[in-house]
Amino acid sequence: MSAQLSWSHACELLALNSTNKINYYIYIIEKQNLSVRELRERIKSNEYERIGYKEELEESKINTFIKNPIIIKTHNLSEDLSEYALHQIILENIDDFLKELGVGFTYVGSEVKIKIGNGYHYIDLLLFNYKFNCFVVIKHKVTEFKAEYIGQVIKYINYVDKNIKEVFNDKTVGVIICKKENSYVLEYCTDDRIFTTTYEFV
């Protein structure tokens, strides 16, 4: 095991029932400098299972460590939240949200106003990922995933690429967070710049 792991880390890991699972948590301990308490929380939240982790640790895409579902902490567990309420819950716990989303995400802005043609639009959240050197457009919805969400996010991605990103940044990507997946829509509406996930409240 890595020299970065304490005996307490090792005890937590050795209780796991899968070599792949142990390797995953060793990897994130090293990359994110997790304490034993943080490691215990990650294991308890079933992070390994939610991330769809494969046998090899690949970092070629920003979605490598985007979990599904994303756990959002809140005192309001209502299933009938509005999009505004969901947005406020995320902002109130933005640090937890960024950590839950994945590795290297930083906050840029909320409801970022952009002008396309004669109309104004608002990007729910604009993030930057320093690990992959790119801007990240976040769209969150309280409904099942719909095909039109792809078109909206592509529009925002193209705007950021043209008007915000610098020449030394990689191409912008988008993450759509919905209450429920729709595998039939996803099968026919794919774009390699856009990733999707769902959310749950705790």
N, C-alpha and C. Protein backbone atom coordinates (compact mmCIF):
# COMPACT_ATOMS: atom_id res chain seq x y z
N MET A 1 0.83 -1.20 0.00
CA MET A 1 0.00 0.00 0.00
C MET A 1 0.87 1.26 0.00
N SER A 2 0.27 2.36 -0.40
CA SER A 2 0.99 3.63 -0.50
C SER A 2 1.52 4.10 0.84
N ALA A 3 2.65 4.78 0.79
CA ALA A 3 3.24 5.34 2.01
C ALA A 3 2.37 6.45 2.59
N GLN A 4 1.44 7.01 1.78
CA GLN A 4 0.56 8.07 2.26
C GLN A 4 -0.53 7.54 3.18
N LEU A 5 -0.71 6.23 3.23
CA LEU A 5 -1.78 5.65 4.02
C LEU A 5 -1.29 5.34 5.43
N SER A 6 -2.08 5.76 6.39
CA SER A 6 -1.79 5.43 7.78
C SER A 6 -2.33 4.04 8.09
N TRP A 7 -2.00 3.53 9.27
CA TRP A 7 -2.55 2.24 9.68
C TRP A 7 -4.08 2.32 9.77
N SER A 8 -4.61 3.44 10.20
CA SER A 8 -6.07 3.60 10.30
C SER A 8 -6.72 3.56 8.91
N HIS A 9 -6.06 4.19 7.91
CA HIS A 9 -6.54 4.08 6.53
C HIS A 9 -6.59 2.61 6.12
N ALA A 10 -5.50 1.91 6.39
CA ALA A 10 -5.40 0.51 5.97
C ALA A 10 -6.49 -0.34 6.60
N CYS A 11 -6.79 -0.09 7.88
CA CYS A 11 -7.84 -0.85 8.56
C CYS A 11 -9.20 -0.65 7.89
N GLU A 12 -9.49 0.60 7.50
CA GLU A 12 -10.75 0.87 6.80
C GLU A 12 -10.81 0.14 5.46
N LEU A 13 -9.70 0.14 4.75
CA LEU A 13 -9.65 -0.46 3.41
C LEU A 13 -9.70 -1.97 3.45
N LEU A 14 -9.03 -2.56 4.42
CA LEU A 14 -8.97 -4.02 4.48
C LEU A 14 -10.32 -4.65 4.83
N ALA A 15 -11.23 -3.82 5.32
CA ALA A 15 -12.58 -4.32 5.62
C ALA A 15 -13.43 -4.44 4.36
N LEU A 16 -12.95 -3.88 3.23
CA LEU A 16 -13.71 -3.91 1.98
C LEU A 16 -13.58 -5.28 1.32
N ASN A 17 -14.55 -5.60 0.47
CA ASN A 17 -14.62 -6.96 -0.08
C ASN A 17 -14.18 -7.07 -1.54
N SER A 18 -13.50 -6.05 -2.05
CA SER A 18 -13.12 -6.06 -3.46
C SER A 18 -11.77 -5.38 -3.64
N THR A 19 -10.88 -6.04 -4.37
CA THR A 19 -9.57 -5.45 -4.66
C THR A 19 -9.72 -4.17 -5.47
N ASN A 20 -10.63 -4.17 -6.44
CA ASN A 20 -10.85 -2.98 -7.26
C ASN A 20 -11.34 -1.81 -6.41
N LYS A 21 -12.21 -2.13 -5.46
CA LYS A 21 -12.73 -1.08 -4.56
C LYS A 21 -11.60 -0.51 -3.71
N ILE A 22 -10.76 -1.39 -3.16
CA ILE A 22 -9.63 -0.94 -2.37
C ILE A 22 -8.70 -0.07 -3.20
N ASN A 23 -8.41 -0.50 -4.44
CA ASN A 23 -7.52 0.28 -5.32
C ASN A 23 -8.09 1.66 -5.62
N TYR A 24 -9.41 1.73 -5.79
CA TYR A 24 -10.05 3.02 -6.05
C TYR A 24 -9.85 3.96 -4.87
N TYR A 25 -10.12 3.48 -3.66
CA TYR A 25 -10.00 4.35 -2.50
C TYR A 25 -8.55 4.72 -2.20
N ILE A 26 -7.62 3.83 -2.47
CA ILE A 26 -6.20 4.18 -2.34
C ILE A 26 -5.87 5.33 -3.28
N TYR A 27 -6.40 5.23 -4.50
CA TYR A 27 -6.14 6.26 -5.51
C TYR A 27 -6.65 7.63 -5.07
N ILE A 28 -7.89 7.68 -4.56
CA ILE A 28 -8.42 8.99 -4.18
C ILE A 28 -7.79 9.50 -2.88
N ILE A 29 -7.36 8.61 -2.00
CA ILE A 29 -6.63 9.05 -0.81
C ILE A 29 -5.38 9.79 -1.24
N GLU A 30 -4.67 9.24 -2.21
CA GLU A 30 -3.43 9.86 -2.69
C GLU A 30 -3.69 11.17 -3.42
N LYS A 31 -4.72 11.16 -4.28
CA LYS A 31 -5.00 12.34 -5.09
C LYS A 31 -5.63 13.47 -4.30
N GLN A 32 -6.45 13.14 -3.31
CA GLN A 32 -7.20 14.17 -2.60
C GLN A 32 -6.79 14.31 -1.14
N ASN A 33 -5.77 13.55 -0.74
CA ASN A 33 -5.23 13.65 0.62
C ASN A 33 -6.32 13.48 1.68
N LEU A 34 -7.10 12.40 1.55
CA LEU A 34 -8.23 12.18 2.44
C LEU A 34 -7.77 11.77 3.84
N SER A 35 -8.43 12.32 4.83
CA SER A 35 -8.22 11.86 6.20
C SER A 35 -8.98 10.55 6.38
N VAL A 36 -8.77 9.88 7.50
CA VAL A 36 -9.49 8.64 7.78
C VAL A 36 -10.98 8.92 7.87
N ARG A 37 -11.35 10.03 8.52
CA ARG A 37 -12.77 10.38 8.63
C ARG A 37 -13.40 10.60 7.26
N GLU A 38 -12.69 11.33 6.38
CA GLU A 38 -13.20 11.58 5.03
C GLU A 38 -13.31 10.29 4.24
N LEU A 39 -12.32 9.41 4.39
CA LEU A 39 -12.39 8.11 3.72
C LEU A 39 -13.60 7.32 4.18
N ARG A 40 -13.83 7.32 5.48
CA ARG A 40 -14.97 6.58 6.03
C ARG A 40 -16.28 7.11 5.46
N GLU A 41 -16.39 8.43 5.32
CA GLU A 41 -17.61 9.04 4.76
C GLU A 41 -17.79 8.64 3.30
N ARG A 42 -16.68 8.62 2.54
CA ARG A 42 -16.76 8.23 1.13
C ARG A 42 -17.23 6.78 0.99
N ILE A 43 -16.69 5.92 1.83
CA ILE A 43 -17.09 4.50 1.77
C ILE A 43 -18.55 4.35 2.15
N LYS A 44 -18.96 5.06 3.22
CA LYS A 44 -20.34 4.97 3.69
C LYS A 44 -21.33 5.46 2.64
N SER A 45 -20.93 6.45 1.82
CA SER A 45 -21.82 6.99 0.79
C SER A 45 -21.83 6.14 -0.48
N ASN A 46 -21.13 5.00 -0.46
CA ASN A 46 -21.06 4.11 -1.63
C ASN A 46 -20.52 4.82 -2.86
N GLU A 47 -19.49 5.63 -2.64
CA GLU A 47 -18.92 6.39 -3.76
C GLU A 47 -18.42 5.48 -4.87
N TYR A 48 -17.76 4.40 -4.53
CA TYR A 48 -17.24 3.47 -5.53
C TYR A 48 -18.35 2.96 -6.45
N GLU A 49 -19.47 2.56 -5.84
CA GLU A 49 -20.58 2.03 -6.64
C GLU A 49 -21.21 3.12 -7.50
N ARG A 50 -21.27 4.35 -6.98
CA ARG A 50 -21.92 5.44 -7.71
C ARG A 50 -21.09 5.97 -8.87
N ILE A 51 -19.80 5.69 -8.84
CA ILE A 51 -18.92 6.28 -9.85
C ILE A 51 -18.80 5.42 -11.09
N GLY A 52 -19.32 4.18 -11.02
CA GLY A 52 -19.21 3.29 -12.17
C GLY A 52 -17.76 2.97 -12.48
N TYR A 53 -16.98 2.81 -11.44
CA TYR A 53 -15.53 2.62 -11.58
C TYR A 53 -15.20 1.33 -12.31
N LYS A 54 -14.24 1.42 -13.23
CA LYS A 54 -13.76 0.26 -13.98
C LYS A 54 -12.44 -0.23 -13.38
N GLU A 55 -11.95 -1.33 -13.88
CA GLU A 55 -10.75 -1.92 -13.30
C GLU A 55 -9.54 -1.02 -13.45
N GLU A 56 -9.44 -0.29 -14.55
CA GLU A 56 -8.27 0.56 -14.77
C GLU A 56 -8.61 1.99 -14.42
N LEU A 57 -7.70 2.66 -13.76
CA LEU A 57 -7.91 4.06 -13.39
C LEU A 57 -7.51 4.94 -14.55
N GLU A 58 -8.48 5.35 -15.34
CA GLU A 58 -8.21 6.17 -16.50
C GLU A 58 -8.64 7.60 -16.21
N GLU A 59 -7.86 8.57 -16.70
CA GLU A 59 -8.17 9.97 -16.44
C GLU A 59 -8.32 10.74 -17.75
N SER A 60 -8.66 10.05 -18.82
CA SER A 60 -8.68 10.68 -20.13
C SER A 60 -9.86 11.62 -20.32
N LYS A 61 -10.92 11.45 -19.51
CA LYS A 61 -12.10 12.28 -19.65
C LYS A 61 -12.50 12.86 -18.31
N ILE A 62 -13.14 14.01 -18.38
CA ILE A 62 -13.54 14.70 -17.16
C ILE A 62 -14.61 13.91 -16.39
N ASN A 63 -15.36 13.05 -17.09
CA ASN A 63 -16.42 12.31 -16.42
C ASN A 63 -15.94 11.05 -15.73
N THR A 64 -14.62 10.81 -15.73
CA THR A 64 -14.09 9.60 -15.11
C THR A 64 -14.55 9.46 -13.67
N PHE A 65 -14.63 10.58 -12.95
CA PHE A 65 -14.97 10.51 -11.54
C PHE A 65 -16.26 11.25 -11.21
N ILE A 66 -17.14 11.47 -12.19
CA ILE A 66 -18.46 12.04 -11.90
C ILE A 66 -19.36 10.92 -11.41
N LYS A 67 -19.90 11.08 -10.22
CA LYS A 67 -20.68 10.02 -9.60
C LYS A 67 -22.12 10.02 -10.13
N ASN A 68 -22.78 8.89 -10.00
CA ASN A 68 -24.18 8.78 -10.38
C ASN A 68 -24.85 7.80 -9.42
N PRO A 69 -25.73 8.29 -8.52
CA PRO A 69 -26.17 9.68 -8.42
C PRO A 69 -25.19 10.55 -7.63
N ILE A 70 -25.37 11.87 -7.77
CA ILE A 70 -24.67 12.83 -6.92
C ILE A 70 -25.51 13.02 -5.66
N ILE A 71 -24.85 13.00 -4.52
CA ILE A 71 -25.55 13.20 -3.25
C ILE A 71 -25.53 14.69 -2.90
N ILE A 72 -26.70 15.27 -2.70
CA ILE A 72 -26.82 16.68 -2.33
C ILE A 72 -27.35 16.76 -0.91
N LYS A 73 -26.60 17.44 -0.05
CA LYS A 73 -26.98 17.55 1.36
C LYS A 73 -27.99 18.69 1.55
N THR A 74 -29.07 18.39 2.25
CA THR A 74 -30.08 19.40 2.50
C THR A 74 -30.95 18.99 3.68
N HIS A 75 -31.59 19.97 4.30
CA HIS A 75 -32.57 19.69 5.35
C HIS A 75 -33.97 19.54 4.75
N ASN A 76 -34.10 19.92 3.48
CA ASN A 76 -35.40 19.85 2.79
C ASN A 76 -35.37 18.63 1.87
N LEU A 77 -36.01 17.57 2.29
CA LEU A 77 -35.99 16.33 1.51
C LEU A 77 -37.22 16.18 0.62
N SER A 78 -37.92 17.25 0.36
CA SER A 78 -39.12 17.20 -0.45
C SER A 78 -38.80 16.77 -1.88
N GLU A 79 -39.64 15.92 -2.42
CA GLU A 79 -39.47 15.46 -3.81
C GLU A 79 -40.03 16.48 -4.80
N ASP A 80 -40.75 17.50 -4.31
CA ASP A 80 -41.43 18.44 -5.20
C ASP A 80 -40.76 19.81 -5.20
N LEU A 81 -39.46 19.85 -5.09
CA LEU A 81 -38.73 21.11 -5.11
C LEU A 81 -38.79 21.76 -6.49
N SER A 82 -38.79 23.08 -6.50
CA SER A 82 -38.67 23.81 -7.76
C SER A 82 -37.21 23.85 -8.17
N GLU A 83 -36.96 24.22 -9.41
CA GLU A 83 -35.57 24.35 -9.87
C GLU A 83 -34.85 25.45 -9.10
N TYR A 84 -35.57 26.51 -8.76
CA TYR A 84 -34.96 27.59 -7.98
C TYR A 84 -34.51 27.07 -6.62
N ALA A 85 -35.39 26.27 -5.97
CA ALA A 85 -35.05 25.73 -4.65
C ALA A 85 -33.85 24.80 -4.74
N LEU A 86 -33.80 23.96 -5.78
CA LEU A 86 -32.65 23.08 -5.98
C LEU A 86 -31.38 23.89 -6.16
N HIS A 87 -31.47 24.96 -6.93
CA HIS A 87 -30.33 25.83 -7.18
C HIS A 87 -29.82 26.43 -5.87
N GLN A 88 -30.73 26.89 -5.03
CA GLN A 88 -30.33 27.50 -3.75
C GLN A 88 -29.69 26.48 -2.81
N ILE A 89 -30.21 25.27 -2.81
CA ILE A 89 -29.63 24.21 -1.98
C ILE A 89 -28.20 23.92 -2.41
N ILE A 90 -27.97 23.88 -3.72
CA ILE A 90 -26.61 23.63 -4.23
C ILE A 90 -25.68 24.76 -3.81
N LEU A 91 -26.15 26.02 -3.97
CA LEU A 91 -25.30 27.17 -3.62
C LEU A 91 -24.99 27.21 -2.12
N GLU A 92 -25.95 26.83 -1.30
CA GLU A 92 -25.74 26.86 0.15
C GLU A 92 -24.68 25.85 0.58
N ASN A 93 -24.50 24.81 -0.22
CA ASN A 93 -23.52 23.77 0.10
C ASN A 93 -22.57 23.58 -1.08
N ILE A 94 -22.10 24.70 -1.64
CA ILE A 94 -21.34 24.63 -2.89
C ILE A 94 -20.05 23.82 -2.74
N ASP A 95 -19.38 23.95 -1.59
CA ASP A 95 -18.14 23.18 -1.40
C ASP A 95 -18.40 21.69 -1.44
N ASP A 96 -19.45 21.25 -0.75
CA ASP A 96 -19.80 19.83 -0.76
C ASP A 96 -20.20 19.38 -2.16
N PHE A 97 -20.93 20.24 -2.86
CA PHE A 97 -21.38 19.91 -4.21
C PHE A 97 -20.19 19.72 -5.15
N LEU A 98 -19.20 20.61 -5.08
CA LEU A 98 -18.03 20.51 -5.95
C LEU A 98 -17.24 19.24 -5.67
N LYS A 99 -17.11 18.90 -4.40
CA LYS A 99 -16.40 17.67 -4.04
C LYS A 99 -17.16 16.45 -4.51
N GLU A 100 -18.48 16.51 -4.39
CA GLU A 100 -19.30 15.38 -4.80
C GLU A 100 -19.29 15.22 -6.32
N LEU A 101 -19.23 16.33 -7.02
CA LEU A 101 -19.25 16.28 -8.48
C LEU A 101 -18.04 15.55 -9.03
N GLY A 102 -16.88 15.75 -8.43
CA GLY A 102 -15.70 15.05 -8.91
C GLY A 102 -14.42 15.76 -8.53
N VAL A 103 -13.37 15.48 -9.26
CA VAL A 103 -12.03 15.98 -8.96
C VAL A 103 -11.75 17.26 -9.74
N GLY A 104 -11.26 18.31 -9.06
CA GLY A 104 -10.74 19.49 -9.74
C GLY A 104 -11.74 20.57 -10.10
N PHE A 105 -12.98 20.47 -9.60
CA PHE A 105 -14.00 21.48 -9.94
C PHE A 105 -13.91 22.69 -9.03
N THR A 106 -13.98 23.88 -9.62
CA THR A 106 -14.00 25.13 -8.86
C THR A 106 -15.16 25.99 -9.34
N TYR A 107 -15.65 26.84 -8.44
CA TYR A 107 -16.83 27.67 -8.73
C TYR A 107 -16.44 28.93 -9.48
N VAL A 108 -17.19 29.26 -10.54
CA VAL A 108 -16.99 30.50 -11.30
C VAL A 108 -18.17 31.44 -11.10
N GLY A 109 -19.38 30.96 -11.32
CA GLY A 109 -20.54 31.83 -11.19
C GLY A 109 -21.86 31.09 -11.20
N SER A 110 -22.90 31.79 -10.71
CA SER A 110 -24.26 31.25 -10.65
C SER A 110 -25.18 32.09 -11.53
N GLU A 111 -26.07 31.41 -12.27
CA GLU A 111 -27.00 32.09 -13.17
C GLU A 111 -26.25 33.13 -14.01
N VAL A 112 -25.21 32.66 -14.67
CA VAL A 112 -24.36 33.54 -15.48
C VAL A 112 -25.14 34.01 -16.71
N LYS A 113 -25.29 35.33 -16.81
CA LYS A 113 -26.11 35.92 -17.88
C LYS A 113 -25.30 36.03 -19.17
N ILE A 114 -25.86 35.48 -20.25
CA ILE A 114 -25.20 35.56 -21.56
C ILE A 114 -26.21 36.04 -22.59
N LYS A 115 -25.72 36.69 -23.62
CA LYS A 115 -26.60 37.19 -24.67
C LYS A 115 -26.32 36.44 -25.97
N ILE A 116 -27.37 35.83 -26.50
CA ILE A 116 -27.27 35.12 -27.77
C ILE A 116 -28.31 35.74 -28.70
N GLY A 117 -27.85 36.38 -29.76
CA GLY A 117 -28.76 37.12 -30.64
C GLY A 117 -29.37 38.27 -29.89
N ASN A 118 -30.69 38.36 -29.92
CA ASN A 118 -31.38 39.43 -29.21
C ASN A 118 -31.91 39.00 -27.84
N GLY A 119 -31.61 37.77 -27.46
CA GLY A 119 -32.15 37.26 -26.20
C GLY A 119 -31.09 36.98 -25.16
N TYR A 120 -31.52 36.99 -23.90
CA TYR A 120 -30.62 36.69 -22.79
C TYR A 120 -30.93 35.30 -22.24
N HIS A 121 -29.88 34.61 -21.84
CA HIS A 121 -30.01 33.28 -21.27
C HIS A 121 -29.17 33.23 -20.00
N TYR A 122 -29.43 32.22 -19.17
CA TYR A 122 -28.71 32.10 -17.91
C TYR A 122 -28.16 30.68 -17.74
N ILE A 123 -26.86 30.59 -17.54
CA ILE A 123 -26.23 29.31 -17.25
C ILE A 123 -26.41 29.04 -15.77
N ASP A 124 -27.02 27.92 -15.41
CA ASP A 124 -27.31 27.61 -14.00
C ASP A 124 -26.06 27.78 -13.15
N LEU A 125 -25.00 27.06 -13.51
CA LEU A 125 -23.72 27.16 -12.81
C LEU A 125 -22.59 27.08 -13.83
N LEU A 126 -21.61 27.94 -13.67
CA LEU A 126 -20.41 27.86 -14.50
C LEU A 126 -19.25 27.51 -13.59
N LEU A 127 -18.59 26.41 -13.89
CA LEU A 127 -17.46 25.94 -13.11
C LEU A 127 -16.21 25.91 -13.98
N PHE A 128 -15.08 25.71 -13.33
CA PHE A 128 -13.83 25.48 -14.06
C PHE A 128 -13.17 24.26 -13.44
N ASN A 129 -12.64 23.39 -14.29
CA ASN A 129 -11.93 22.23 -13.78
C ASN A 129 -10.45 22.39 -14.04
N TYR A 130 -9.68 22.61 -12.97
CA TYR A 130 -8.25 22.88 -13.12
C TYR A 130 -7.48 21.63 -13.51
N LYS A 131 -8.03 20.46 -13.24
CA LYS A 131 -7.36 19.21 -13.62
C LYS A 131 -7.38 19.01 -15.13
N PHE A 132 -8.49 19.39 -15.75
CA PHE A 132 -8.65 19.22 -17.19
C PHE A 132 -8.59 20.55 -17.95
N ASN A 133 -8.33 21.65 -17.22
CA ASN A 133 -8.14 22.96 -17.83
C ASN A 133 -9.29 23.36 -18.74
N CYS A 134 -10.50 23.24 -18.24
CA CYS A 134 -11.65 23.59 -19.07
C CYS A 134 -12.79 24.14 -18.22
N PHE A 135 -13.62 24.97 -18.86
CA PHE A 135 -14.85 25.44 -18.23
C PHE A 135 -15.89 24.32 -18.29
N VAL A 136 -16.80 24.35 -17.31
CA VAL A 136 -17.84 23.32 -17.21
C VAL A 136 -19.19 24.00 -17.01
N VAL A 137 -20.10 23.78 -17.94
CA VAL A 137 -21.46 24.31 -17.86
C VAL A 137 -22.32 23.28 -17.13
N ILE A 138 -23.00 23.73 -16.07
CA ILE A 138 -23.88 22.83 -15.31
C ILE A 138 -25.32 23.24 -15.54
N LYS A 139 -26.15 22.26 -15.92
CA LYS A 139 -27.59 22.49 -16.00
C LYS A 139 -28.26 21.50 -15.07
N HIS A 140 -29.06 21.99 -14.14
CA HIS A 140 -29.74 21.10 -13.22
C HIS A 140 -31.25 21.21 -13.41
N LYS A 141 -31.92 20.07 -13.39
CA LYS A 141 -33.36 20.01 -13.61
C LYS A 141 -33.99 19.10 -12.55
N VAL A 142 -35.23 19.39 -12.21
CA VAL A 142 -35.93 18.59 -11.20
C VAL A 142 -36.86 17.57 -11.86
N THR A 143 -36.62 17.30 -13.13
CA THR A 143 -37.45 16.38 -13.89
C THR A 143 -36.61 15.24 -14.45
N GLU A 144 -37.26 14.37 -15.19
CA GLU A 144 -36.55 13.34 -15.93
C GLU A 144 -35.77 13.98 -17.07
N PHE A 145 -34.67 13.36 -17.46
CA PHE A 145 -33.85 13.88 -18.56
C PHE A 145 -34.67 13.97 -19.84
N LYS A 146 -34.54 15.10 -20.55
CA LYS A 146 -35.25 15.30 -21.82
C LYS A 146 -34.27 15.69 -22.92
N ALA A 147 -34.61 15.36 -24.15
CA ALA A 147 -33.71 15.60 -25.29
C ALA A 147 -33.37 17.07 -25.45
N GLU A 148 -34.33 17.95 -25.16
CA GLU A 148 -34.09 19.39 -25.38
C GLU A 148 -33.00 19.95 -24.46
N TYR A 149 -32.72 19.26 -23.35
CA TYR A 149 -31.66 19.74 -22.46
C TYR A 149 -30.30 19.71 -23.15
N ILE A 150 -30.11 18.72 -24.02
CA ILE A 150 -28.85 18.61 -24.77
C ILE A 150 -28.64 19.85 -25.62
N GLY A 151 -29.67 20.26 -26.35
CA GLY A 151 -29.56 21.44 -27.22
C GLY A 151 -29.26 22.70 -26.45
N GLN A 152 -29.89 22.86 -25.28
CA GLN A 152 -29.64 24.04 -24.46
C GLN A 152 -28.20 24.10 -23.99
N VAL A 153 -27.68 22.96 -23.53
CA VAL A 153 -26.32 22.94 -23.01
C VAL A 153 -25.30 23.13 -24.13
N ILE A 154 -25.56 22.55 -25.29
CA ILE A 154 -24.65 22.76 -26.44
C ILE A 154 -24.56 24.24 -26.76
N LYS A 155 -25.69 24.93 -26.71
CA LYS A 155 -25.72 26.37 -26.98
C LYS A 155 -24.84 27.12 -25.98
N TYR A 156 -24.93 26.77 -24.71
CA TYR A 156 -24.12 27.43 -23.69
C TYR A 156 -22.65 27.09 -23.83
N ILE A 157 -22.36 25.84 -24.15
CA ILE A 157 -20.98 25.41 -24.35
C ILE A 157 -20.34 26.21 -25.48
N ASN A 158 -21.05 26.33 -26.59
CA ASN A 158 -20.52 27.06 -27.74
C ASN A 158 -20.29 28.53 -27.40
N TYR A 159 -21.19 29.11 -26.59
CA TYR A 159 -21.02 30.50 -26.19
C TYR A 159 -19.76 30.67 -25.35
N VAL A 160 -19.59 29.79 -24.35
CA VAL A 160 -18.42 29.89 -23.49
C VAL A 160 -17.14 29.71 -24.29
N ASP A 161 -17.14 28.76 -25.21
CA ASP A 161 -15.96 28.53 -26.05
C ASP A 161 -15.60 29.77 -26.87
N LYS A 162 -16.61 30.47 -27.34
CA LYS A 162 -16.37 31.62 -28.21
C LYS A 162 -16.07 32.90 -27.44
N ASN A 163 -16.69 33.07 -26.26
CA ASN A 163 -16.64 34.36 -25.59
C ASN A 163 -15.94 34.40 -24.24
N ILE A 164 -15.71 33.25 -23.62
CA ILE A 164 -15.15 33.25 -22.27
C ILE A 164 -13.82 32.52 -22.20
N LYS A 165 -13.74 31.36 -22.76
CA LYS A 165 -12.52 30.57 -22.63
C LYS A 165 -11.35 31.22 -23.36
N GLU A 166 -10.16 30.97 -22.85
CA GLU A 166 -8.94 31.47 -23.47
C GLU A 166 -8.37 30.42 -24.42
N VAL A 167 -7.45 30.84 -25.27
CA VAL A 167 -6.90 29.92 -26.27
C VAL A 167 -6.14 28.77 -25.61
N PHE A 168 -5.64 28.98 -24.39
CA PHE A 168 -4.88 27.93 -23.72
C PHE A 168 -5.76 27.00 -22.90
N ASN A 169 -7.09 27.26 -22.86
CA ASN A 169 -8.02 26.35 -22.19
C ASN A 169 -8.50 25.27 -23.15
N ASP A 170 -8.78 24.11 -22.64
CA ASP A 170 -9.38 23.06 -23.46
C ASP A 170 -10.86 23.38 -23.68
N LYS A 171 -11.48 22.63 -24.58
CA LYS A 171 -12.87 22.89 -24.94
C LYS A 171 -13.80 22.70 -23.75
N THR A 172 -14.80 23.55 -23.69
CA THR A 172 -15.80 23.51 -22.63
C THR A 172 -16.62 22.23 -22.70
N VAL A 173 -17.02 21.73 -21.52
CA VAL A 173 -17.90 20.57 -21.45
C VAL A 173 -19.13 20.93 -20.64
N GLY A 174 -20.13 20.08 -20.68
CA GLY A 174 -21.36 20.31 -19.94
C GLY A 174 -21.75 19.10 -19.11
N VAL A 175 -22.40 19.37 -17.98
CA VAL A 175 -22.94 18.30 -17.14
C VAL A 175 -24.41 18.60 -16.89
N ILE A 176 -25.27 17.66 -17.24
CA ILE A 176 -26.71 17.80 -17.00
C ILE A 176 -27.07 16.91 -15.81
N ILE A 177 -27.63 17.55 -14.78
CA ILE A 177 -28.01 16.83 -13.57
C ILE A 177 -29.54 16.81 -13.50
N CYS A 178 -30.12 15.63 -13.55
CA CYS A 178 -31.58 15.50 -13.53
C CYS A 178 -32.04 14.61 -12.39
N LYS A 179 -33.32 14.67 -12.10
CA LYS A 179 -33.88 13.84 -11.05
C LYS A 179 -33.89 12.37 -11.48
N LYS A 180 -34.10 12.14 -12.77
CA LYS A 180 -34.25 10.77 -13.24
C LYS A 180 -33.65 10.62 -14.63
N GLU A 181 -33.03 9.49 -14.90
CA GLU A 181 -32.45 9.23 -16.21
C GLU A 181 -33.53 8.81 -17.20
N ASN A 182 -33.20 8.93 -18.48
CA ASN A 182 -34.07 8.41 -19.54
C ASN A 182 -33.16 7.73 -20.55
N SER A 183 -32.97 6.44 -20.39
CA SER A 183 -31.99 5.71 -21.20
C SER A 183 -32.33 5.74 -22.68
N TYR A 184 -33.62 5.82 -23.02
CA TYR A 184 -34.01 5.83 -24.42
C TYR A 184 -33.59 7.13 -25.10
N VAL A 185 -33.76 8.24 -24.40
CA VAL A 185 -33.34 9.53 -24.94
C VAL A 185 -31.82 9.59 -25.03
N LEU A 186 -31.14 9.15 -23.98
CA LEU A 186 -29.68 9.20 -23.97
C LEU A 186 -29.07 8.39 -25.10
N GLU A 187 -29.71 7.30 -25.46
CA GLU A 187 -29.18 6.42 -26.51
C GLU A 187 -29.08 7.13 -27.85
N TYR A 188 -30.03 8.06 -28.11
CA TYR A 188 -30.08 8.71 -29.42
C TYR A 188 -29.69 10.19 -29.39
N CYS A 189 -29.38 10.70 -28.22
CA CYS A 189 -29.01 12.11 -28.10
C CYS A 189 -27.68 12.22 -27.38
N THR A 190 -26.63 11.79 -28.02
CA THR A 190 -25.32 11.81 -27.37
C THR A 190 -24.43 12.89 -27.96
N ASP A 191 -23.57 13.42 -27.14
CA ASP A 191 -22.57 14.39 -27.55
C ASP A 191 -21.40 14.20 -26.59
N ASP A 192 -20.20 14.02 -27.15
CA ASP A 192 -19.07 13.67 -26.28
C ASP A 192 -18.60 14.81 -25.39
N ARG A 193 -19.20 16.00 -25.55
CA ARG A 193 -18.88 17.12 -24.67
C ARG A 193 -19.81 17.20 -23.48
N ILE A 194 -20.84 16.37 -23.45
CA ILE A 194 -21.87 16.47 -22.43
C ILE A 194 -21.98 15.17 -21.65
N PHE A 195 -22.05 15.31 -20.33
CA PHE A 195 -22.20 14.16 -19.45
C PHE A 195 -23.47 14.34 -18.63
N THR A 196 -24.06 13.24 -18.25
CA THR A 196 -25.30 13.29 -17.49
C THR A 196 -25.18 12.50 -16.20
N THR A 197 -25.92 12.94 -15.20
CA THR A 197 -25.99 12.21 -13.94
C THR A 197 -27.30 12.56 -13.26
N THR A 198 -27.60 11.88 -12.18
CA THR A 198 -28.81 12.16 -11.41
C THR A 198 -28.40 12.62 -10.00
N TYR A 199 -29.40 13.02 -9.21
CA TYR A 199 -29.10 13.47 -7.86
C TYR A 199 -30.04 12.83 -6.85
N GLU A 200 -29.58 12.74 -5.62
CA GLU A 200 -30.40 12.30 -4.49
C GLU A 200 -30.11 13.22 -3.31
N PHE A 201 -31.11 13.42 -2.47
CA PHE A 201 -30.93 14.24 -1.27
C PHE A 201 -30.63 13.36 -0.06
N VAL A 202 -29.80 13.90 0.83
CA VAL A 202 -29.60 13.25 2.13
C VAL A 202 -29.67 14.31 3.22
